[in-house]
Protein backbone atom coordinates (compact mmCIF):
# COMPACT_ATOMS: atom_id res chain seq x y z
CA MET A 1 100.72 43.16 78.35
CA ASN A 2 98.85 40.28 79.85
CA ASP A 3 99.41 40.85 83.67
CA PRO A 4 100.06 44.82 84.36
CA VAL A 5 101.37 45.72 87.83
CA VAL A 6 102.03 49.13 89.30
CA ASP A 7 104.95 49.55 91.61
CA LEU A 8 105.35 52.06 94.60
CA CYS A 9 106.44 54.91 92.43
CA ALA A 10 103.15 54.52 90.38
CA HIS A 11 105.25 53.12 87.20
CA SER A 12 103.24 50.27 85.29
CA PHE A 13 105.04 47.19 84.16
CA GLU A 14 104.24 43.68 83.06
CA ARG A 15 104.47 41.62 85.80
CA SER A 16 106.71 38.79 84.61
CA ALA A 17 109.29 41.59 83.09
CA ILE A 18 109.61 43.38 86.25
CA VAL A 19 110.03 40.09 88.44
CA ASP A 20 112.62 38.77 86.03
CA TRP A 21 114.28 42.49 86.42
CA ILE A 22 114.21 42.28 90.42
CA GLU A 23 114.86 38.46 91.11
CA GLU A 24 116.87 37.11 88.16
CA LYS A 25 118.89 40.19 87.26
CA GLY A 26 119.41 41.08 90.92
CA ASN A 27 118.09 44.45 90.63
CA ALA A 28 116.24 45.56 93.66
CA CYS A 29 114.97 49.09 92.50
CA CYS A 30 112.50 50.40 89.96
CA PRO A 31 114.05 50.82 86.43
CA ILE A 32 112.67 54.26 86.19
CA SER A 33 112.94 56.24 89.42
CA ARG A 34 115.67 53.88 90.91
CA LYS A 35 113.80 53.54 94.27
CA ALA A 36 114.04 50.11 96.34
CA LEU A 37 111.45 47.67 95.09
CA SER A 38 110.67 44.25 96.09
CA VAL A 39 108.15 41.69 94.50
CA SER A 40 105.84 42.12 97.35
CA ASP A 41 105.64 46.03 96.51
CA LEU A 42 103.90 45.12 93.09
CA VAL A 43 100.12 45.61 92.93
CA THR A 44 97.93 44.59 89.93
CA ASN A 45 97.13 47.57 87.79
CA HIS A 46 93.33 46.83 87.41
CA VAL A 47 92.77 49.97 85.42
CA LEU A 48 95.47 49.19 82.98
CA ALA A 49 94.35 45.30 82.81
CA GLU A 50 90.81 46.49 81.99
CA ARG A 51 91.80 48.63 79.34
CA ILE A 52 94.02 46.05 77.73
CA GLU A 53 91.08 43.80 77.88
CA LYS A 54 88.93 46.41 76.22
CA TRP A 55 91.36 46.97 73.46
CA GLN A 56 91.86 43.45 72.85
CA TRP A 57 88.25 42.64 72.47
CA ARG A 58 87.76 45.89 70.13
CA ARG A 59 90.77 44.47 68.10
CA GLU A 60 89.21 40.95 67.80
CA MET A 61 86.00 42.39 66.88
CA THR A 62 87.62 44.36 64.14
CA ARG A 63 89.46 41.30 62.81
CA THR A 64 86.22 39.52 62.76
CA GLU A 65 84.61 42.04 60.75
CA GLN A 66 87.31 42.20 58.48
CA TRP A 67 87.23 38.41 58.00
CA LYS A 68 84.00 38.55 57.30
CA GLN A 69 84.44 41.14 54.65
CA LEU A 70 87.08 39.49 53.41
CA ASP A 71 85.49 36.08 52.94
CA GLY A 72 82.74 37.97 50.87
CA GLN A 73 85.35 39.18 48.60
CA LEU A 74 86.96 36.10 48.34
CA ALA A 75 83.95 34.12 47.62
CA GLY A 76 83.97 35.24 43.96
CA THR A 77 87.67 34.34 43.37
CA PRO A 78 88.73 30.92 41.83
CA SER A 79 90.22 28.45 43.94
CA ILE A 80 93.57 26.53 43.30
CA PRO A 81 93.12 22.80 43.38
CA ARG A 82 96.19 21.21 45.01
CA GLN A 83 97.49 17.67 44.32
CA ASN A 84 99.56 15.78 46.47
CA THR A 85 103.48 14.89 45.88
CA PRO A 86 103.66 11.37 44.39
CA ASP A 87 104.79 8.44 46.21
CA SER A 88 106.27 6.68 43.68
CA ALA A 89 108.92 7.16 40.78
CA ASP A 90 106.10 6.06 38.38
CA GLU A 91 103.77 9.04 39.54
CA ALA A 92 106.11 11.30 39.55
CA GLU A 93 107.38 10.63 35.91
CA ASN A 94 103.35 10.80 35.10
CA LEU A 95 103.31 14.05 36.93
CA ARG A 96 106.08 15.45 35.23
CA ALA A 97 104.68 14.37 31.79
CA GLY A 98 101.67 15.96 32.59
CA SER A 99 103.06 19.12 33.73
CA MET A 100 105.01 19.47 30.47
CA GLN A 101 101.71 19.47 28.56
CA ASP A 102 100.39 21.94 30.91
CA VAL A 103 103.07 24.23 30.55
CA GLU A 104 102.94 23.91 26.82
CA LEU A 105 99.45 24.64 26.92
CA GLY A 106 99.75 27.66 29.03
CA ARG A 107 97.78 26.34 31.83
CA THR A 108 99.83 26.13 34.68
CA SER A 109 100.96 28.71 37.06
CA PHE A 110 103.04 28.35 39.99
CA GLY A 111 102.75 29.13 43.68
CA ARG A 112 104.10 28.23 47.18
CA GLY A 113 103.56 25.06 48.60
CA ARG A 114 104.09 21.80 47.47
CA GLY A 115 102.82 19.83 44.44
CA ARG A 116 101.73 21.20 41.11
CA PHE A 117 98.97 23.89 40.36
CA GLY A 118 97.13 22.96 37.21
CA THR A 119 94.63 25.71 36.87
CA LYS A 120 93.75 27.93 33.78
CA GLN A 121 93.59 30.93 36.34
CA PRO A 122 96.89 32.53 37.13
CA TYR A 123 98.08 32.14 40.84
CA GLN A 124 96.41 34.63 43.14
CA PRO A 125 97.55 34.96 46.75
CA ILE A 126 95.26 35.16 49.31
CA PRO A 127 94.66 39.04 50.28
CA SER A 128 96.65 40.06 53.22
CA ARG A 129 96.59 42.91 55.48
CA PHE A 130 98.90 44.85 53.05
CA MET A 131 96.83 44.06 50.08
CA LEU A 132 93.76 45.63 51.71
CA LEU A 133 95.61 48.76 52.60
CA PRO A 134 94.84 50.35 49.34
CA GLN A 135 91.32 49.77 49.48
CA GLU A 136 91.15 51.05 52.82
CA ILE A 137 93.08 54.23 51.73
CA ALA A 138 90.56 54.44 48.77
CA SER A 139 87.79 54.23 51.18
CA LEU A 140 89.09 56.99 53.61
CA ASP A 141 89.60 59.26 50.33
CA ARG A 142 86.16 58.66 49.50
CA GLN A 143 84.87 59.75 52.93
CA ARG A 144 87.14 62.62 53.08
CA SER A 145 85.83 63.73 49.83
CA LYS A 146 82.18 63.16 50.94
CA ASP A 147 83.26 65.31 54.18
CA GLU A 148 84.52 68.05 52.06
CA GLU A 149 81.39 68.04 49.80
CA ALA A 150 79.22 68.21 52.90
CA LYS A 151 81.09 71.21 54.21
CA MET A 152 80.77 72.82 50.27
CA LEU A 153 77.17 72.24 50.65
CA ARG A 154 76.82 73.63 54.27
CA ARG A 155 79.01 76.71 53.07
CA LYS A 156 76.95 77.20 49.86
CA SER A 157 73.67 77.23 51.70
CA TRP A 158 74.94 79.52 54.45
CA GLN A 159 75.99 81.82 51.72
CA LYS A 160 72.49 81.93 50.01
CA LEU A 161 71.19 82.41 53.55
CA ILE A 162 73.23 85.50 53.90
CA CYS A 163 72.49 86.55 50.29
CA ILE A 164 68.73 86.04 50.95
CA SER A 165 68.80 87.90 54.22
CA LEU A 166 70.83 90.93 52.94
CA THR A 167 68.65 91.16 49.76
CA ILE A 168 65.47 91.24 52.13
CA THR A 169 67.36 93.63 54.56
CA THR A 170 68.11 95.97 51.17
CA LEU A 171 64.32 95.86 49.99
CA LEU A 172 63.27 96.72 53.66
CA VAL A 173 65.25 99.54 53.60
CA PHE A 174 64.30 100.75 50.25
CA ALA A 175 60.64 100.21 51.17
CA GLY A 176 61.06 102.07 54.58
CA LEU A 177 62.82 104.99 52.45
CA ALA A 178 60.09 104.85 50.17
CA ILE A 179 57.34 105.19 52.92
CA ALA A 180 59.43 107.87 54.51
CA LYS A 181 59.99 109.75 51.10
CA GLY A 182 55.82 109.29 50.55
CA LEU A 183 55.02 110.64 53.79
CA LEU A 184 57.47 113.63 53.47
CA LYS A 185 55.95 114.45 50.27
CA ALA A 186 52.33 114.08 51.65
CA ARG A 187 53.38 116.45 54.60
CA GLU A 188 54.62 118.88 52.08
CA ASP A 189 51.51 118.49 50.21
CA THR A 190 49.53 118.98 52.87
CA GLU A 191 51.50 122.21 54.30
CA LEU A 192 51.34 123.38 50.69
CA MET A 193 47.39 123.16 50.72
CA ASP A 194 47.22 124.58 54.35
CA ASP A 195 49.43 127.71 52.92
CA GLU A 196 47.00 128.08 50.15
CA VAL A 197 43.92 128.11 52.35
């Protein structure tokens, strides 16, 4: 969508599409609400235009980053030399003889395009978006496993913290009971001593 417009019903359209709908097809109504509509009723949808522009910019930046990453990956791959097609019958015969030798020696690999590819490396297509998908999925799986590991570590640290706090609480309770028992014993001893005197 390059030029979004909004009609009186608040429906957004591409300007060229809605103008075509109104003028060339003879429809003088909104295609959604069927209310009366003319070309003069259309107003540029600046909010949608700005969002589209930002989306296109982000998409282009992502593509640029992907191409930089792809260039880095392709830097280590061997290139395939291309030869022009022959201009004369003699050149064609020489190429055929040479290609038969290459085939016999196992040096030829075939690919798309014109000409003969004579390299020891097998044909390697340029990675496309679909070829990068497995790498992206593997990257997402690694990220997810890292997130799961982090959650597990947080859970374990919380469990340790709870165990430590329960242990401390238990020790404090037992210490309190021991102190209380000691105080009771001391009181009983003092009462016994008072009774004896």
